Amino acid sequence: MSYRESARREPVRTAGAGVEGAARAAGVPLTVVPISAAEHLAFVRAQRSVSFLQTPGWGCVKTEWRSESLGWYDGRQLVGAALVLHRPVPRLERFTLAYLPQGPVVDWAGESGEVGATGEHRGIDAWLDPLAAHLKARGAFAIRLGPPVRTHTWSAAQVKEGVADPGVKRLTDLPDPRIDQVGASITGRLRDRGWLPQSPEDGFGAGQPQFVYELPLAGRTEADLLGGMNQLWRRNIKKAAKEAVEVTVGDDLKGFHDLYVHTAERDRFTPRPLRYFKTMFAAMRAEDPERVRLYLAHHQGDLVAAAILVRVGARAWYLYGASSTGKREVRGSNACQWAMIRDSLAAGCDVYDLRGITPTLDADDPHVGLIQFKVGTGGRAVRYAGEWDLPLRPKIYRAFDLYMKRRGR
């Protein structure tokens, strides 16, 4: 049965009707029902790694969206969860785009025929059919999701060789990437079932970046990590130590934001307001006091760099950074990064995620500096499955897509 066919079925019952009753009503092995924030958070805590964008607290951060937590039940057992952000259509507020950033949190590996956490083989249809039925019944005109699965990986050495080769312009031009069979299977299945890829050429769209840079931490020591960095990174970390740059974890969000606005003016991007960061810290710390940290690098009393680290389970993310134009020679940004990497390692994280990169390796492209900075840590460039849309009400979806294109998303 296709997603479009499943979306025309009778809507599933809510949690109030009971899980078993909902499963019988939907006629599917798995049932999607609303769950409480507490149930959602308990499920997240039981996983090895979940994107911070799929925690219930993140719904509180995105105040311009309406959020809800959904759960997949196998009988009485909660086997999957998702944070769904709802964006209304202008002048048609009863219809929404249902967005699941880097989610849902389900057994994606089951699509490849591997045995999932519940001991059963399940393809993505079993997860996404009941999701489509539930969301359409509640007014969604389309679903947008980003499967948290890799499709391609390139080593730091491959990236460096590509930047040095004038014949290579993009990551995807590099030979012999490591191909993830789970990711390849999932993207093929989504395309076959009518999902529409939303990731643009540069990897940055309206949602989350498709290309990221990751530093593996599992099984490594601080000496291993330093040894894997390039000479410039090691020299900059030593320079910061020699200059007595002090990195602390603190709560000076106003100081961070002032430096962040300064960085935005210098690097020509639009900064978020201070209230956004205050909301983020309050919501995420309410779930876990260690969920989000602010790192502040001072030199002789001056704030020279700052960065925000987020951690959920065994994964840590470098989320925002800022640096002063003056005193750049003391390398406060490198000092912040090294402190966050060390703390992530000490916390038992498997991966330190430096977040988005563009796939360009063209030395003449101004964006290449971003990947050159991050590749200096060692690690790997990763392409994820990207974001995909499933239109549930095609006319409204086309109107919304046109509206977003006109306003530049």
Protein backbone atom coordinates (compact mmCIF):
# COMPACT_ATOMS: atom_id res chain seq x y z
CA MET A 1 0.00 0.00 0.00
CA SER A 2 1.44 3.42 -0.93
CA TYR A 3 1.68 6.46 1.37
CA ARG A 4 -0.99 8.22 -0.63
CA GLU A 5 -3.29 5.20 -0.26
CA SER A 6 -2.56 4.97 3.45
CA ALA A 7 -3.32 8.66 3.85
CA ARG A 8 -6.87 8.03 2.57
CA ARG A 9 -7.63 5.41 5.18
CA GLU A 10 -9.67 6.01 8.30
CA PRO A 11 -7.69 8.11 10.81
CA VAL A 12 -6.05 6.30 13.68
CA ARG A 13 -7.39 6.85 17.16
CA THR A 14 -5.61 8.99 19.70
CA ALA A 15 -3.94 7.73 22.85
CA GLY A 16 -7.15 8.29 24.76
CA ALA A 17 -8.75 5.40 22.86
CA GLY A 18 -6.08 2.99 24.06
CA VAL A 19 -3.13 1.63 22.15
CA GLU A 20 -4.68 -1.74 21.31
CA GLY A 21 -7.87 -0.10 20.09
CA ALA A 22 -5.90 2.29 17.92
CA ALA A 23 -3.97 -0.57 16.35
CA ARG A 24 -7.16 -2.44 15.50
CA ALA A 25 -8.80 0.70 14.08
CA ALA A 26 -5.87 1.48 11.81
CA GLY A 27 -5.42 -2.11 10.70
CA VAL A 28 -1.62 -1.77 10.68
CA PRO A 29 1.07 -3.49 12.79
CA LEU A 30 2.29 -0.17 14.21
CA THR A 31 0.09 2.60 15.56
CA VAL A 32 0.95 6.31 15.67
CA VAL A 33 -0.64 8.27 18.52
CA PRO A 34 0.17 11.48 20.42
CA ILE A 35 2.33 10.98 23.48
CA SER A 36 3.19 13.28 26.36
CA ALA A 37 6.44 15.23 26.54
CA ALA A 38 7.41 13.08 29.53
CA GLU A 39 6.87 9.85 27.56
CA HIS A 40 8.77 11.28 24.62
CA LEU A 41 11.71 12.36 26.79
CA ALA A 42 11.86 8.95 28.49
CA PHE A 43 12.09 7.31 25.07
CA VAL A 44 14.88 9.68 23.99
CA ARG A 45 16.85 8.95 27.15
CA ALA A 46 16.68 5.22 26.42
CA GLN A 47 18.42 5.65 23.03
CA ARG A 48 22.16 5.74 22.42
CA SER A 49 21.90 8.80 20.21
CA VAL A 50 19.05 11.05 19.11
CA SER A 51 19.23 14.42 17.35
CA PHE A 52 18.61 17.36 19.66
CA LEU A 53 16.07 18.45 17.01
CA GLN A 54 13.97 15.41 17.99
CA THR A 55 13.72 16.17 21.70
CA PRO A 56 10.44 17.54 23.07
CA GLY A 57 12.32 20.57 24.42
CA TRP A 58 13.23 21.65 20.91
CA GLY A 59 9.55 22.21 20.24
CA CYS A 60 9.63 24.88 22.95
CA VAL A 61 12.56 26.58 21.22
CA LYS A 62 10.74 26.86 17.87
CA THR A 63 8.07 29.22 19.13
CA GLU A 64 6.89 30.13 15.62
CA TRP A 65 5.77 26.52 15.06
CA ARG A 66 3.17 24.42 16.84
CA SER A 67 4.75 21.24 18.15
CA GLU A 68 3.55 17.81 19.19
CA SER A 69 5.12 14.52 20.24
CA LEU A 70 4.08 11.33 18.47
CA GLY A 71 4.79 7.72 19.35
CA TRP A 72 4.79 4.46 17.40
CA TYR A 73 3.33 1.56 19.36
CA ASP A 74 3.71 -2.16 18.76
CA GLY A 75 0.90 -3.36 20.96
CA ARG A 76 1.60 -1.65 24.27
CA GLN A 77 5.31 -1.08 23.61
CA LEU A 78 6.54 2.34 22.51
CA VAL A 79 9.03 1.56 19.72
CA GLY A 80 9.49 4.95 18.01
CA ALA A 81 8.98 8.65 18.65
CA ALA A 82 9.02 11.98 16.85
CA LEU A 83 8.84 15.69 17.44
CA VAL A 84 6.57 17.18 14.79
CA LEU A 85 6.62 20.91 14.10
CA HIS A 86 3.52 22.28 12.39
CA ARG A 87 3.69 25.34 10.14
CA PRO A 88 0.34 26.75 8.97
CA VAL A 89 -0.41 27.83 5.42
CA PRO A 90 -0.92 31.60 5.09
CA ARG A 91 -4.68 32.34 4.99
CA LEU A 92 -5.38 28.59 5.39
CA GLU A 93 -4.31 28.17 9.02
CA ARG A 94 -6.16 24.89 9.48
CA PHE A 95 -3.69 23.19 7.13
CA THR A 96 -0.07 22.68 8.15
CA LEU A 97 3.29 21.49 6.90
CA ALA A 98 4.27 18.73 9.34
CA TYR A 99 8.04 18.90 9.77
CA LEU A 100 10.18 16.22 11.47
CA PRO A 101 13.75 17.62 11.53
CA GLN A 102 16.35 14.82 11.59
CA GLY A 103 13.62 12.38 12.42
CA PRO A 104 11.60 10.43 13.23
CA VAL A 105 13.44 8.28 15.78
CA VAL A 106 12.58 4.84 14.44
CA ASP A 107 14.42 1.72 13.28
CA TRP A 108 15.67 3.01 9.93
CA ALA A 109 18.11 0.11 9.64
CA GLY A 110 15.19 -2.29 9.21
CA GLU A 111 14.77 -1.10 5.61
CA SER A 112 18.04 -2.81 4.67
CA GLY A 113 16.88 -6.12 6.06
CA GLU A 114 18.88 -5.77 9.28
CA VAL A 115 17.22 -6.77 12.52
CA GLY A 116 16.02 -3.75 14.45
CA ALA A 117 15.96 -3.06 18.16
CA THR A 118 12.67 -4.93 18.59
CA GLY A 119 14.08 -8.06 16.94
CA GLU A 120 11.88 -7.75 13.84
CA HIS A 121 12.47 -6.77 10.21
CA ARG A 122 10.49 -3.65 9.33
CA GLY A 123 10.80 -1.51 6.22
CA ILE A 124 10.09 2.19 6.26
CA ASP A 125 6.54 1.66 5.00
CA ALA A 126 5.62 0.19 8.39
CA TRP A 127 6.75 3.40 10.08
CA LEU A 128 5.71 6.06 7.58
CA ASP A 129 2.31 4.76 6.41
CA PRO A 130 0.63 5.23 9.83
CA LEU A 131 2.45 8.58 10.25
CA ALA A 132 0.99 9.85 6.97
CA ALA A 133 -2.49 8.66 7.93
CA HIS A 134 -2.31 10.31 11.35
CA LEU A 135 -1.00 13.65 10.11
CA LYS A 136 -3.37 13.95 7.15
CA ALA A 137 -6.32 13.26 9.41
CA ARG A 138 -5.21 16.17 11.56
CA GLY A 139 -4.86 18.72 8.78
CA ALA A 140 -1.35 18.30 7.38
CA PHE A 141 -1.09 19.11 3.68
CA ALA A 142 2.44 17.63 3.49
CA ILE A 143 5.08 15.90 5.59
CA ARG A 144 8.72 16.94 5.55
CA LEU A 145 11.26 14.72 7.27
CA GLY A 146 15.01 14.19 7.34
CA PRO A 147 16.04 10.57 7.89
CA PRO A 148 19.06 10.55 10.26
CA VAL A 149 20.99 8.12 8.05
CA ARG A 150 24.25 8.58 6.15
CA THR A 151 24.54 7.89 2.44
CA HIS A 152 28.21 8.79 1.74
CA THR A 153 31.34 9.41 3.81
CA TRP A 154 34.71 10.91 2.83
CA SER A 155 37.84 10.86 4.99
CA ALA A 156 39.79 13.99 5.86
CA ALA A 157 42.58 12.83 3.56
CA GLN A 158 40.16 12.51 0.63
CA VAL A 159 38.78 16.00 1.27
CA LYS A 160 42.28 17.52 1.41
CA GLU A 161 43.24 15.81 -1.84
CA GLY A 162 40.07 17.13 -3.46
CA VAL A 163 40.74 20.73 -2.43
CA ALA A 164 44.27 20.46 -3.85
CA ASP A 165 43.04 19.00 -7.16
CA PRO A 166 41.81 21.72 -9.56
CA GLY A 167 39.79 19.11 -11.41
CA VAL A 168 37.64 18.36 -8.36
CA LYS A 169 34.90 20.88 -7.60
CA ARG A 170 32.60 19.04 -5.16
CA LEU A 171 32.67 16.30 -2.59
CA THR A 172 30.54 14.21 -4.91
CA ASP A 173 33.32 14.39 -7.55
CA LEU A 174 35.70 12.48 -5.27
CA PRO A 175 36.28 8.83 -6.17
CA ASP A 176 35.60 5.91 -3.85
CA PRO A 177 33.37 7.38 -1.13
CA ARG A 178 32.21 5.01 1.55
CA ILE A 179 28.60 4.22 0.62
CA ASP A 180 26.14 3.37 3.38
CA GLN A 181 23.77 0.66 2.17
CA VAL A 182 21.08 1.58 4.71
CA GLY A 183 21.03 5.18 3.51
CA ALA A 184 21.07 4.16 -0.14
CA SER A 185 18.14 1.81 0.41
CA ILE A 186 16.12 4.41 2.28
CA THR A 187 16.57 7.20 -0.27
CA GLY A 188 15.65 4.83 -3.07
CA ARG A 189 12.57 3.65 -1.20
CA LEU A 190 11.41 7.19 -0.45
CA ARG A 191 11.74 8.17 -4.10
CA ASP A 192 9.85 5.09 -5.22
CA ARG A 193 7.02 5.85 -2.81
CA GLY A 194 6.42 9.40 -4.02
CA TRP A 195 8.56 11.42 -1.60
CA LEU A 196 10.22 14.49 -3.14
CA PRO A 197 13.85 15.40 -2.27
CA GLN A 198 14.24 18.95 -0.96
CA SER A 199 18.02 19.31 -0.63
CA PRO A 200 19.45 21.95 -3.00
CA GLU A 201 22.75 21.84 -4.84
CA ASP A 202 24.74 23.48 -2.04
CA GLY A 203 23.29 21.18 0.63
CA PHE A 204 21.58 24.02 2.53
CA GLY A 205 17.84 24.40 2.19
CA ALA A 206 14.97 25.63 4.29
CA GLY A 207 15.76 23.01 6.92
CA GLN A 208 18.86 21.14 8.05
CA PRO A 209 22.13 20.78 6.11
CA GLN A 210 22.59 17.58 4.12
CA PHE A 211 26.40 17.69 4.31
CA VAL A 212 28.06 17.85 7.74
CA TYR A 213 31.51 17.36 9.23
CA GLU A 214 31.92 14.85 12.04
CA LEU A 215 34.77 13.96 14.37
CA PRO A 216 34.54 10.36 15.64
CA LEU A 217 35.39 10.03 19.35
CA ALA A 218 34.57 6.43 20.25
CA GLY A 219 37.60 4.43 21.33
CA ARG A 220 39.97 7.40 21.05
CA THR A 221 42.08 9.38 23.53
CA GLU A 222 42.92 13.08 23.64
CA ALA A 223 46.34 12.20 22.22
CA ASP A 224 44.66 10.32 19.36
CA LEU A 225 42.46 13.31 18.57
CA LEU A 226 45.33 15.78 18.63
CA GLY A 227 47.38 13.46 16.46
CA GLY A 228 44.57 13.33 13.91
CA MET A 229 44.40 17.12 13.56
CA ASN A 230 46.45 18.97 10.99
CA GLN A 231 49.52 20.96 11.94
CA LEU A 232 47.68 24.30 11.85
CA TRP A 233 45.03 23.15 14.34
CA ARG A 234 47.63 21.74 16.73
CA ARG A 235 49.68 24.92 16.48
CA ASN A 236 46.64 27.10 17.15
CA ILE A 237 45.65 25.06 20.21
CA LYS A 238 49.20 25.40 21.55
CA LYS A 239 49.19 29.12 20.72
CA ALA A 240 46.01 29.67 22.75
CA ALA A 241 47.53 27.84 25.72
CA LYS A 242 50.75 29.85 25.45
CA GLU A 243 48.76 33.10 25.37
CA ALA A 244 46.91 31.97 28.52
CA VAL A 245 43.48 31.95 26.88
CA GLU A 246 41.05 30.74 29.55
CA VAL A 247 38.01 28.75 28.48
CA THR A 248 35.19 28.43 30.98
CA VAL A 249 31.61 27.14 30.92
CA GLY A 250 29.27 29.90 31.96
CA ASP A 251 25.91 31.63 31.59
CA ASP A 252 26.83 34.99 30.08
CA LEU A 253 24.38 34.80 27.20
CA LYS A 254 24.39 38.59 26.83
CA GLY A 255 28.18 38.59 26.39
CA PHE A 256 27.93 35.73 23.91
CA HIS A 257 25.18 37.48 21.97
CA ASP A 258 27.09 40.76 21.72
CA LEU A 259 30.05 38.87 20.25
CA TYR A 260 27.73 36.86 18.01
CA VAL A 261 26.17 40.04 16.57
CA HIS A 262 29.68 41.41 15.98
CA THR A 263 30.54 38.17 14.14
CA ALA A 264 27.35 38.43 12.07
CA GLU A 265 28.20 41.96 10.97
CA ARG A 266 31.73 40.91 10.01
CA ASP A 267 30.72 37.70 8.21
CA ARG A 268 27.49 39.10 6.74
CA PHE A 269 24.79 36.84 8.10
CA THR A 270 21.57 37.64 9.96
CA PRO A 271 21.89 36.96 13.72
CA ARG A 272 19.18 35.50 15.88
CA PRO A 273 17.87 37.68 18.72
CA LEU A 274 19.03 37.22 22.30
CA ARG A 275 15.60 35.96 23.34
CA TYR A 276 16.04 32.95 21.02
CA PHE A 277 19.12 31.81 22.93
CA LYS A 278 17.49 32.46 26.31
CA THR A 279 14.54 30.31 25.26
CA MET A 280 16.87 27.59 23.97
CA PHE A 281 18.87 27.37 27.19
CA ALA A 282 15.77 27.39 29.38
CA ALA A 283 13.97 24.69 27.37
CA MET A 284 16.93 22.38 26.92
CA ARG A 285 18.18 22.65 30.49
CA ALA A 286 14.69 21.88 31.76
CA GLU A 287 15.11 18.44 30.13
CA ASP A 288 18.71 17.95 31.26
CA PRO A 289 20.97 20.47 33.04
CA GLU A 290 23.90 19.26 30.89
CA ARG A 291 22.01 19.33 27.58
CA VAL A 292 23.40 22.71 26.47
CA ARG A 293 26.58 24.54 27.50
CA LEU A 294 28.05 27.95 26.74
CA TYR A 295 31.85 28.04 26.36
CA LEU A 296 33.57 31.40 26.83
CA ALA A 297 37.20 32.10 25.90
CA HIS A 298 38.81 35.09 27.63
CA HIS A 299 42.20 36.68 27.09
CA GLN A 300 43.35 39.18 29.69
CA GLY A 301 39.74 39.85 30.65
CA ASP A 302 38.47 40.24 27.08
CA LEU A 303 35.91 37.84 25.61
CA VAL A 304 37.60 36.72 22.38
CA ALA A 305 35.47 33.71 21.40
CA ALA A 306 32.37 31.83 22.50
CA ALA A 307 30.52 28.71 21.39
CA ILE A 308 27.43 26.68 22.22
CA LEU A 309 27.61 22.90 22.66
CA VAL A 310 24.57 20.61 22.74
CA ARG A 311 24.68 16.97 23.82
CA VAL A 312 22.03 14.24 23.68
CA GLY A 313 23.12 10.76 24.66
CA ALA A 314 26.33 9.82 22.86
CA ARG A 315 26.39 12.67 20.36
CA ALA A 316 27.54 16.28 20.78
CA TRP A 317 27.02 19.22 18.42
CA TYR A 318 28.85 22.49 17.94
CA LEU A 319 25.79 24.66 17.40
CA TYR A 320 26.80 28.35 17.36
CA GLY A 321 30.10 30.17 17.51
CA ALA A 322 31.33 33.75 17.74
CA SER A 323 34.73 35.44 17.73
CA SER A 324 36.20 38.91 18.04
CA THR A 325 37.95 40.59 15.13
CA GLY A 326 40.61 41.86 17.48
CA LYS A 327 42.99 39.45 19.19
CA ARG A 328 42.39 36.75 16.61
CA GLU A 329 46.04 35.83 16.95
CA VAL A 330 45.42 34.32 20.41
CA ARG A 331 43.22 31.64 18.77
CA GLY A 332 40.26 31.74 21.12
CA SER A 333 38.04 29.85 18.68
CA ASN A 334 40.43 26.91 18.55
CA ALA A 335 40.64 26.93 22.33
CA CYS A 336 36.82 26.76 22.57
CA GLN A 337 36.65 23.92 20.07
CA TRP A 338 39.32 21.90 21.84
CA ALA A 339 37.58 22.37 25.20
CA MET A 340 34.27 21.18 23.72
CA ILE A 341 35.90 18.18 22.03
CA ARG A 342 37.65 17.15 25.25
CA ASP A 343 34.47 17.50 27.30
CA SER A 344 32.49 15.49 24.73
CA LEU A 345 35.10 12.75 24.87
CA ALA A 346 35.03 12.74 28.68
CA ALA A 347 31.21 12.51 28.60
CA GLY A 348 31.42 9.28 26.58
CA CYS A 349 30.22 10.68 23.27
CA ASP A 350 30.74 8.68 20.10
CA VAL A 351 30.71 11.69 17.75
CA TYR A 352 31.46 15.40 17.88
CA ASP A 353 29.37 17.02 15.15
CA LEU A 354 30.67 20.28 13.67
CA ARG A 355 27.40 20.65 11.74
CA GLY A 356 26.93 21.92 8.22
CA ILE A 357 29.34 22.32 5.35
CA THR A 358 28.74 23.04 1.68
CA PRO A 359 29.92 20.28 -0.67
CA THR A 360 32.21 22.61 -2.60
CA LEU A 361 35.92 21.78 -2.90
CA ASP A 362 36.55 24.56 -5.43
CA ALA A 363 39.47 26.66 -4.18
CA ASP A 364 37.88 29.74 -5.80
CA ASP A 365 34.57 29.30 -3.98
CA PRO A 366 34.39 31.45 -0.80
CA HIS A 367 32.51 28.64 0.96
CA VAL A 368 35.48 26.29 0.72
CA GLY A 369 37.00 27.93 3.79
CA LEU A 370 34.30 26.35 5.96
CA ILE A 371 35.24 22.80 5.06
CA GLN A 372 38.97 23.64 5.20
CA PHE A 373 38.54 24.86 8.78
CA LYS A 374 36.60 21.78 9.86
CA VAL A 375 38.75 19.23 8.01
CA GLY A 376 41.66 20.43 10.13
CA THR A 377 40.15 18.52 13.06
CA GLY A 378 40.60 15.20 11.24
CA GLY A 379 37.33 13.34 11.05
CA ARG A 380 35.11 12.90 8.04
CA ALA A 381 32.73 14.68 5.69
CA VAL A 382 29.30 13.03 5.64
CA ARG A 383 26.35 13.26 3.31
CA TYR A 384 23.02 12.43 4.92
CA ALA A 385 19.80 11.41 3.20
CA GLY A 386 18.58 15.00 3.19
CA GLU A 387 15.05 16.24 3.63
CA TRP A 388 12.04 14.80 1.75
CA ASP A 389 8.46 15.97 1.27
CA LEU A 390 5.33 13.86 0.88
CA PRO A 391 2.40 15.94 -0.45
CA LEU A 392 -0.83 14.82 1.22
CA ARG A 393 -2.99 17.54 -0.33
CA PRO A 394 -1.26 18.29 -3.64
CA LYS A 395 -3.08 21.55 -4.51
CA ILE A 396 -2.28 23.11 -1.17
CA TYR A 397 1.28 21.78 -1.33
CA ARG A 398 1.84 23.40 -4.73
CA ALA A 399 0.47 26.72 -3.46
CA PHE A 400 2.69 26.57 -0.38
CA ASP A 401 5.75 25.69 -2.48
CA LEU A 402 5.09 28.66 -4.76
CA TYR A 403 4.64 30.95 -1.75
CA MET A 404 7.95 29.81 -0.24
CA LYS A 405 9.81 30.27 -3.52
CA ARG A 406 8.46 33.80 -3.89
CA ARG A 407 9.62 34.78 -0.41
CA GLY A 408 12.98 33.01 -0.81
CA ARG A 409 12.06 30.37 1.81
